[in-house]
Amino acid sequence: MTKIHKILFFTSSLGKGGAEMHLLRLLNYIDKTKFHVSLALASSGGSYEKFLKPEIKIYHLLTGKLNSNTLRLVKSIGPLRALIKKEQPDIVCSVMDRPNVIAILTCLGLNPKPKLSLCVQNPPSYKYKTLLPFIAMTYPKADLVISLSQGVLDDLLNIVPAIEKKIQVIYNIGFDERVLSLAQEPLPANILTSNPIIVSCGRLTEQKDYPCLIEAFYEVRKKIPAELWILGEGKLKNSLEQQIINLDLKPFVNFLGFKDNPYKYIAKADVFALSSLYEGFGNVIVEAMACKTAVVSTNCPFGPQEIITNNVDGLVAPVREPHALANCLLKVLQDQQLKEKLQKQGISRAKAFSPEVIVSHYEAAFLNLINK
């Protein structure tokens, strides 16, 4: 009889970001005849928790409210350590850099000590500058480091060259059956339009560079009566709204906020646009491809260039160049043949990031780690 290995996943919360969505898919699709998986969270109430399969046990390490996510993670060390002692997992797999550091500190001195796998979901030198000394100090103590892209792997090795023999690339799960099903749902009647639609999705933060996208949209509107839909929430909403007013674009831009189902909006768009300054991978690119929507993205570090082949399954533009981004958007909106080609090739490309493909790589990495 095949032994079922125990894996305890750990992160801060299960909600709203691409890394958390990847973790949700990994937990749901991993082979339960090979692995018994459970999830420890520093914060409860994440918006993706309700989508976990019922057989996956969730441990909420802390109760009560703390305004600081960092403080919550630090305070989770004691409860996480007690949980590991009780459950005796074969592997503790943490996701994202702050939880990774906490997981390493938690496991110091444990006997028996589980194998420790870290999942790195962002380029640390871009995302976590104040955390870099802790990453450099703690990551060499891990048994395995999984990077979601080659670019992030290279970035991480510049910071922690000592992990070179412990690190490997496994891309994120880009979509699942839930995405395909939700993409079929109808849109609210009050949003329906006959105009061409550009849609973008992501937190309203500096990383996503929405000012560049809005400038590009201003150029597009000079030639095509398009509309821009933005899915997401964040601290920059007020400044983005002011930019839209200054450019006389207010009637043509719709801030839709965070949606449990962004896919029905993406699927109805003529083109999906990503204007980021950097990404770890860019899950939403694959999601858009799976939704049969043509994709235009900045060629930012590090994910898009590992997903998109320019002029084959998407178009790419330089970072921080609104005019170039506008030209790519106009190409798709003005050339039906190109649009249909990008849709068809995008669907094919998305299959490389299916749950079946990506989970098999994770399972092989975990089994190899256990058997070492």
Protein backbone atom coordinates (compact mmCIF):
# COMPACT_ATOMS: atom_id res chain seq x y z
CA MET A 1 0.00 0.00 0.00
CA THR A 2 1.34 3.43 -1.01
CA LYS A 3 2.13 5.69 1.92
CA ILE A 4 0.18 8.95 2.03
CA HIS A 5 2.54 11.80 2.88
CA LYS A 6 1.41 14.73 5.02
CA ILE A 7 1.96 18.27 3.76
CA LEU A 8 1.08 21.32 5.84
CA PHE A 9 0.83 24.48 3.75
CA PHE A 10 1.27 27.86 5.43
CA THR A 11 0.66 31.45 4.39
CA SER A 12 -0.76 34.66 5.81
CA SER A 13 -4.31 34.42 4.40
CA LEU A 14 -6.20 32.88 1.51
CA GLY A 15 -7.58 35.82 -0.32
CA LYS A 16 -7.50 38.23 -3.16
CA GLY A 17 -4.06 37.85 -4.82
CA GLY A 18 -2.65 35.70 -7.61
CA ALA A 19 -0.35 33.81 -5.23
CA GLU A 20 -3.29 32.89 -3.03
CA MET A 21 -5.32 31.77 -6.05
CA HIS A 22 -2.45 29.54 -7.13
CA LEU A 23 -2.30 28.04 -3.64
CA LEU A 24 -6.06 27.43 -3.70
CA ARG A 25 -5.76 25.54 -6.97
CA LEU A 26 -2.76 23.54 -5.79
CA LEU A 27 -4.57 22.48 -2.62
CA ASN A 28 -7.68 21.47 -4.53
CA TYR A 29 -5.98 19.53 -7.31
CA ILE A 30 -3.10 17.76 -5.56
CA ASP A 31 -3.57 13.96 -5.58
CA LYS A 32 -5.19 13.04 -2.25
CA THR A 33 -4.23 9.37 -2.74
CA LYS A 34 -0.58 10.43 -2.46
CA PHE A 35 -0.74 13.42 -0.11
CA HIS A 36 -2.80 14.45 2.89
CA VAL A 37 -2.84 18.24 2.70
CA SER A 38 -3.86 20.82 5.28
CA LEU A 39 -3.55 24.58 5.47
CA ALA A 40 -2.42 26.86 8.30
CA LEU A 41 -3.31 30.56 8.04
CA ALA A 42 -2.17 33.48 10.15
CA SER A 43 -5.38 35.36 9.26
CA SER A 44 -8.86 33.95 8.76
CA GLY A 45 -11.60 35.17 6.48
CA GLY A 46 -9.75 35.27 3.16
CA SER A 47 -12.13 35.51 0.20
CA TYR A 48 -10.85 32.26 -1.36
CA GLU A 49 -11.38 30.06 1.70
CA LYS A 50 -14.93 29.21 0.63
CA PHE A 51 -13.59 27.65 -2.59
CA LEU A 52 -11.41 25.06 -0.82
CA LYS A 53 -12.58 21.48 -1.17
CA PRO A 54 -14.23 20.33 2.08
CA GLU A 55 -11.70 17.56 2.79
CA ILE A 56 -8.90 20.11 3.24
CA LYS A 57 -8.47 20.98 6.90
CA ILE A 58 -7.87 24.68 7.68
CA TYR A 59 -6.10 25.81 10.85
CA HIS A 60 -6.58 29.45 11.79
CA LEU A 61 -3.57 30.14 13.98
CA LEU A 62 -4.75 33.38 15.59
CA THR A 63 -8.05 34.88 16.64
CA GLY A 64 -8.88 38.51 17.16
CA LYS A 65 -7.88 41.49 15.03
CA LEU A 66 -4.42 42.90 14.44
CA ASN A 67 -3.89 45.84 12.11
CA SER A 68 -0.36 44.74 11.16
CA ASN A 69 -0.01 41.72 8.86
CA THR A 70 3.65 41.47 9.81
CA LEU A 71 2.84 41.40 13.52
CA ARG A 72 0.17 38.76 12.89
CA LEU A 73 2.71 36.59 11.08
CA VAL A 74 5.24 36.98 13.90
CA LYS A 75 2.60 36.09 16.49
CA SER A 76 1.71 32.98 14.49
CA ILE A 77 5.12 31.39 15.15
CA GLY A 78 4.07 29.84 18.47
CA PRO A 79 0.75 28.37 17.26
CA LEU A 80 2.35 27.14 14.03
CA ARG A 81 5.17 25.45 15.94
CA ALA A 82 2.64 23.74 18.23
CA LEU A 83 0.63 22.59 15.21
CA ILE A 84 3.70 21.10 13.53
CA LYS A 85 4.61 19.22 16.70
CA LYS A 86 1.08 17.85 16.92
CA GLU A 87 0.50 16.94 13.26
CA GLN A 88 4.06 15.82 12.40
CA PRO A 89 3.85 16.67 8.68
CA ASP A 90 6.46 15.28 6.29
CA ILE A 91 6.69 18.69 4.60
CA VAL A 92 5.85 22.23 5.64
CA CYS A 93 5.29 24.24 2.46
CA SER A 94 5.03 28.00 2.93
CA VAL A 95 3.89 30.43 0.24
CA MET A 96 5.19 34.01 -0.25
CA ASP A 97 8.28 35.57 1.23
CA ARG A 98 7.09 36.87 4.60
CA PRO A 99 5.42 33.54 5.50
CA ASN A 100 8.55 31.78 4.18
CA VAL A 101 10.76 33.60 6.67
CA ILE A 102 8.28 32.87 9.48
CA ALA A 103 8.12 29.17 8.54
CA ILE A 104 11.89 28.86 8.70
CA LEU A 105 12.06 30.56 12.10
CA THR A 106 9.21 28.35 13.33
CA CYS A 107 11.01 25.14 12.39
CA LEU A 108 14.34 26.03 14.02
CA GLY A 109 15.27 23.39 16.58
CA LEU A 110 12.28 21.13 15.96
CA ASN A 111 12.94 17.42 16.46
CA PRO A 112 11.77 15.68 14.39
CA LYS A 113 11.98 18.47 11.86
CA PRO A 114 9.80 18.38 8.74
CA LYS A 115 11.23 19.03 5.31
CA LEU A 116 10.78 22.71 4.53
CA SER A 117 9.68 23.91 1.09
CA LEU A 118 9.38 27.60 0.22
CA CYS A 119 7.26 28.94 -2.64
CA VAL A 120 8.52 32.30 -3.92
CA GLN A 121 5.78 34.22 -5.72
CA ASN A 122 7.36 37.63 -6.34
CA PRO A 123 10.81 38.98 -7.24
CA PRO A 124 12.13 39.86 -3.77
CA SER A 125 14.38 42.70 -4.94
CA TYR A 126 11.32 44.48 -6.38
CA LYS A 127 8.67 43.58 -3.81
CA TYR A 128 10.34 43.15 -0.43
CA LYS A 129 13.37 45.44 -0.14
CA THR A 130 13.21 45.66 3.67
CA LEU A 131 12.92 41.88 3.89
CA LEU A 132 16.02 41.09 1.84
CA PRO A 133 18.43 40.68 4.81
CA PHE A 134 16.04 38.17 6.41
CA ILE A 135 15.67 36.28 3.13
CA ALA A 136 19.43 36.10 2.72
CA MET A 137 19.82 34.85 6.29
CA THR A 138 17.00 32.29 6.42
CA TYR A 139 16.46 30.81 2.94
CA PRO A 140 19.63 28.66 3.00
CA LYS A 141 17.98 26.69 5.85
CA ALA A 142 15.18 25.48 3.52
CA ASP A 143 15.27 22.05 1.89
CA LEU A 144 13.56 23.17 -1.33
CA VAL A 145 12.76 26.53 -2.92
CA ILE A 146 10.17 26.68 -5.70
CA SER A 147 10.20 29.79 -7.90
CA LEU A 148 7.20 30.55 -10.09
CA SER A 149 9.34 31.80 -12.98
CA GLN A 150 12.90 31.72 -14.26
CA GLY A 151 13.16 35.48 -13.84
CA VAL A 152 12.25 35.30 -10.16
CA LEU A 153 14.72 32.42 -9.73
CA ASP A 154 17.52 34.58 -11.18
CA ASP A 155 16.51 37.50 -8.97
CA LEU A 156 16.51 35.28 -5.89
CA LEU A 157 19.92 33.76 -6.65
CA ASN A 158 21.39 37.27 -6.79
CA ILE A 159 20.26 37.67 -3.19
CA VAL A 160 20.87 34.12 -1.90
CA PRO A 161 23.40 32.30 -4.13
CA ALA A 162 23.72 29.57 -1.46
CA ILE A 163 20.35 28.06 -2.49
CA GLU A 164 21.41 27.35 -6.08
CA LYS A 165 21.23 23.55 -5.63
CA LYS A 166 17.91 23.72 -3.76
CA ILE A 167 15.89 25.90 -6.13
CA GLN A 168 13.78 25.02 -9.16
CA VAL A 169 11.13 26.64 -11.36
CA ILE A 170 7.55 25.42 -11.32
CA TYR A 171 5.10 27.77 -12.99
CA ASN A 172 1.83 28.66 -11.31
CA ILE A 173 -1.46 26.96 -12.11
CA GLY A 174 -2.86 29.53 -14.50
CA PHE A 175 -6.50 28.46 -14.56
CA ASP A 176 -8.86 25.65 -13.61
CA GLU A 177 -12.35 24.37 -14.41
CA ARG A 178 -13.87 26.98 -12.14
CA VAL A 179 -12.42 29.75 -14.32
CA LEU A 180 -13.86 28.19 -17.47
CA SER A 181 -17.27 27.75 -15.85
CA LEU A 182 -17.43 31.25 -14.37
CA ALA A 183 -16.39 32.78 -17.70
CA GLN A 184 -19.71 31.59 -19.14
CA GLU A 185 -21.86 33.56 -16.69
CA PRO A 186 -23.78 36.54 -18.12
CA LEU A 187 -22.81 40.11 -17.36
CA PRO A 188 -25.09 42.47 -15.40
CA ALA A 189 -27.52 44.17 -17.76
CA ASN A 190 -26.42 47.66 -16.70
CA ILE A 191 -22.89 47.15 -18.01
CA LEU A 192 -23.68 45.77 -21.45
CA THR A 193 -22.33 47.84 -24.33
CA SER A 194 -21.81 47.60 -28.08
CA ASN A 195 -18.47 49.44 -27.86
CA PRO A 196 -15.12 47.63 -27.94
CA ILE A 197 -14.01 46.69 -24.43
CA ILE A 198 -10.54 46.73 -22.89
CA VAL A 199 -10.41 45.03 -19.49
CA SER A 200 -7.66 44.99 -16.87
CA CYS A 201 -7.53 43.21 -13.54
CA GLY A 202 -5.34 43.66 -10.48
CA ARG A 203 -4.81 45.66 -7.32
CA LEU A 204 -4.75 49.43 -7.74
CA THR A 205 -1.10 49.77 -6.73
CA GLU A 206 2.10 51.22 -8.21
CA GLN A 207 3.16 47.76 -9.43
CA LYS A 208 0.28 47.54 -11.92
CA ASP A 209 1.03 50.99 -13.44
CA TYR A 210 -2.57 51.90 -14.23
CA PRO A 211 -1.52 55.51 -15.05
CA CYS A 212 0.28 54.07 -18.09
CA LEU A 213 -2.80 52.08 -19.11
CA ILE A 214 -5.06 55.12 -18.74
CA GLU A 215 -2.68 57.21 -20.88
CA ALA A 216 -2.70 54.42 -23.48
CA PHE A 217 -6.49 54.29 -23.34
CA TYR A 218 -6.57 58.05 -23.97
CA GLU A 219 -4.61 57.38 -27.21
CA VAL A 220 -6.96 54.52 -28.16
CA ARG A 221 -10.04 56.74 -27.68
CA LYS A 222 -8.72 59.14 -30.33
CA LYS A 223 -9.32 56.40 -32.93
CA ILE A 224 -11.85 53.95 -31.46
CA PRO A 225 -14.87 54.53 -29.19
CA ALA A 226 -13.63 51.91 -26.71
CA GLU A 227 -14.42 51.46 -23.02
CA LEU A 228 -12.01 50.49 -20.23
CA TRP A 229 -13.10 48.23 -17.38
CA ILE A 230 -10.79 47.95 -14.37
CA LEU A 231 -11.30 45.10 -11.90
CA GLY A 232 -9.64 45.56 -8.53
CA GLU A 233 -9.34 47.67 -5.41
CA GLY A 234 -6.46 49.60 -3.91
CA LYS A 235 -4.99 52.76 -2.47
CA LEU A 236 -4.49 54.52 -5.82
CA LYS A 237 -8.15 54.63 -6.82
CA ASN A 238 -8.61 58.33 -6.01
CA SER A 239 -5.54 59.44 -7.94
CA LEU A 240 -6.52 57.26 -10.92
CA GLU A 241 -10.02 58.71 -10.92
CA GLN A 242 -8.53 62.22 -10.93
CA GLN A 243 -6.30 61.29 -13.88
CA ILE A 244 -9.38 60.04 -15.74
CA ILE A 245 -11.24 63.29 -15.04
CA ASN A 246 -8.25 65.34 -16.22
CA LEU A 247 -8.23 63.43 -19.51
CA ASP A 248 -12.03 63.73 -19.96
CA LEU A 249 -12.36 59.94 -19.88
CA LYS A 250 -14.79 59.55 -17.00
CA PRO A 251 -17.78 58.35 -19.10
CA PHE A 252 -15.65 55.65 -20.72
CA VAL A 253 -13.84 54.10 -17.71
CA ASN A 254 -15.60 51.79 -15.28
CA PHE A 255 -13.99 50.88 -11.95
CA LEU A 256 -15.71 47.60 -11.12
CA GLY A 257 -13.92 46.88 -7.82
CA PHE A 258 -12.97 43.42 -6.59
CA LYS A 259 -15.15 40.66 -8.04
CA ASP A 260 -15.46 37.05 -6.92
CA ASN A 261 -15.96 36.31 -10.60
CA PRO A 262 -13.73 38.54 -12.73
CA TYR A 263 -13.69 35.95 -15.50
CA LYS A 264 -17.09 36.77 -16.99
CA TYR A 265 -15.86 40.35 -17.53
CA ILE A 266 -12.55 39.20 -19.00
CA ALA A 267 -14.31 36.72 -21.30
CA LYS A 268 -16.60 39.43 -22.75
CA ALA A 269 -13.74 41.84 -23.47
CA ASP A 270 -12.19 42.37 -26.88
CA VAL A 271 -8.72 42.59 -25.34
CA PHE A 272 -7.17 42.07 -21.91
CA ALA A 273 -4.45 44.55 -20.91
CA LEU A 274 -1.70 44.18 -18.30
CA SER A 275 0.40 47.32 -17.76
CA SER A 276 2.56 46.13 -14.84
CA LEU A 277 6.03 47.39 -13.94
CA TYR A 278 6.92 43.91 -12.71
CA GLU A 279 5.29 40.55 -12.03
CA GLY A 280 6.36 37.30 -10.46
CA PHE A 281 4.48 35.33 -13.09
CA GLY A 282 1.24 36.99 -14.19
CA ASN A 283 -1.51 34.44 -13.47
CA VAL A 284 -4.10 36.77 -14.97
CA ILE A 285 -2.45 36.52 -18.39
CA VAL A 286 -3.07 32.78 -18.47
CA GLU A 287 -6.58 33.24 -17.07
CA ALA A 288 -7.39 35.69 -19.88
CA MET A 289 -5.99 33.28 -22.47
CA ALA A 290 -8.12 30.47 -21.01
CA CYS A 291 -11.15 32.79 -21.24
CA LYS A 292 -10.50 33.09 -25.02
CA THR A 293 -9.55 36.76 -24.78
CA ALA A 294 -6.67 38.32 -26.73
CA VAL A 295 -3.89 39.56 -24.44
CA VAL A 296 -1.69 42.67 -24.53
CA SER A 297 0.94 43.02 -21.79
CA THR A 298 3.97 45.05 -20.91
CA ASN A 299 7.16 43.04 -21.33
CA CYS A 300 7.93 43.54 -17.66
CA PRO A 301 10.12 41.44 -15.42
CA PHE A 302 9.49 38.62 -14.94
CA GLY A 303 6.46 36.62 -15.97
CA PRO A 304 4.94 37.83 -19.26
CA GLN A 305 7.97 37.03 -21.40
CA GLU A 306 7.87 33.42 -20.16
CA ILE A 307 4.18 33.10 -21.05
CA ILE A 308 3.72 35.18 -24.21
CA THR A 309 5.39 34.70 -27.57
CA ASN A 310 4.97 38.12 -29.17
CA ASN A 311 2.66 38.20 -32.20
CA VAL A 312 1.86 34.51 -31.70
CA ASP A 313 -0.31 34.18 -28.58
CA GLY A 314 -0.24 37.79 -27.35
CA LEU A 315 1.32 41.20 -27.92
CA VAL A 316 3.91 42.83 -25.67
CA ALA A 317 4.93 46.46 -25.22
CA PRO A 318 7.78 48.10 -23.31
CA VAL A 319 7.20 49.10 -19.69
CA ARG A 320 6.14 52.70 -18.99
CA GLU A 321 5.47 53.50 -22.65
CA PRO A 322 1.78 54.43 -23.05
CA HIS A 323 2.11 55.10 -26.79
CA ALA A 324 3.53 51.64 -27.47
CA LEU A 325 0.88 50.02 -25.27
CA ALA A 326 -1.83 51.96 -27.13
CA ASN A 327 -0.46 50.78 -30.48
CA CYS A 328 -0.70 47.15 -29.35
CA LEU A 329 -4.26 47.63 -28.14
CA LEU A 330 -5.23 49.32 -31.40
CA LYS A 331 -3.72 46.47 -33.42
CA VAL A 332 -6.01 43.99 -31.72
CA LEU A 333 -9.09 46.23 -31.85
CA GLN A 334 -8.60 47.14 -35.53
CA ASP A 335 -7.53 43.75 -36.91
CA GLN A 336 -10.15 41.03 -36.47
CA GLN A 337 -7.90 38.39 -38.03
CA LEU A 338 -5.10 39.17 -35.56
CA LYS A 339 -7.55 39.17 -32.67
CA GLU A 340 -8.87 35.72 -33.61
CA LYS A 341 -5.34 34.38 -34.03
CA LEU A 342 -4.32 35.59 -30.57
CA GLN A 343 -7.48 34.10 -29.07
CA LYS A 344 -6.87 30.70 -30.67
CA GLN A 345 -3.16 30.54 -29.87
CA GLY A 346 -3.77 31.88 -26.36
CA ILE A 347 -6.13 29.00 -25.56
CA SER A 348 -3.46 26.56 -26.70
CA ARG A 349 -0.74 28.29 -24.67
CA ALA A 350 -2.87 28.31 -21.51
CA LYS A 351 -2.99 24.50 -21.51
CA ALA A 352 0.69 24.42 -20.49
CA PHE A 353 -0.39 25.93 -17.15
CA SER A 354 -3.34 23.63 -16.46
CA PRO A 355 -3.79 22.05 -13.00
CA GLU A 356 -2.90 18.60 -14.32
CA VAL A 357 0.42 19.76 -15.77
CA ILE A 358 1.56 22.02 -12.93
CA VAL A 359 0.37 19.84 -10.02
CA SER A 360 2.31 16.89 -11.46
CA HIS A 361 5.50 18.96 -11.20
CA TYR A 362 4.74 19.88 -7.58
CA GLU A 363 3.99 16.26 -6.67
CA ALA A 364 7.27 15.09 -8.23
CA ALA A 365 9.19 17.79 -6.34
CA PHE A 366 7.54 16.86 -3.03
CA LEU A 367 8.16 13.13 -3.48
CA ASN A 368 11.77 13.78 -4.42
CA LEU A 369 12.18 15.92 -1.31
CA ILE A 370 10.67 13.27 0.96
CA ASN A 371 12.77 10.49 -0.53
CA LYS A 372 16.08 12.34 -0.22
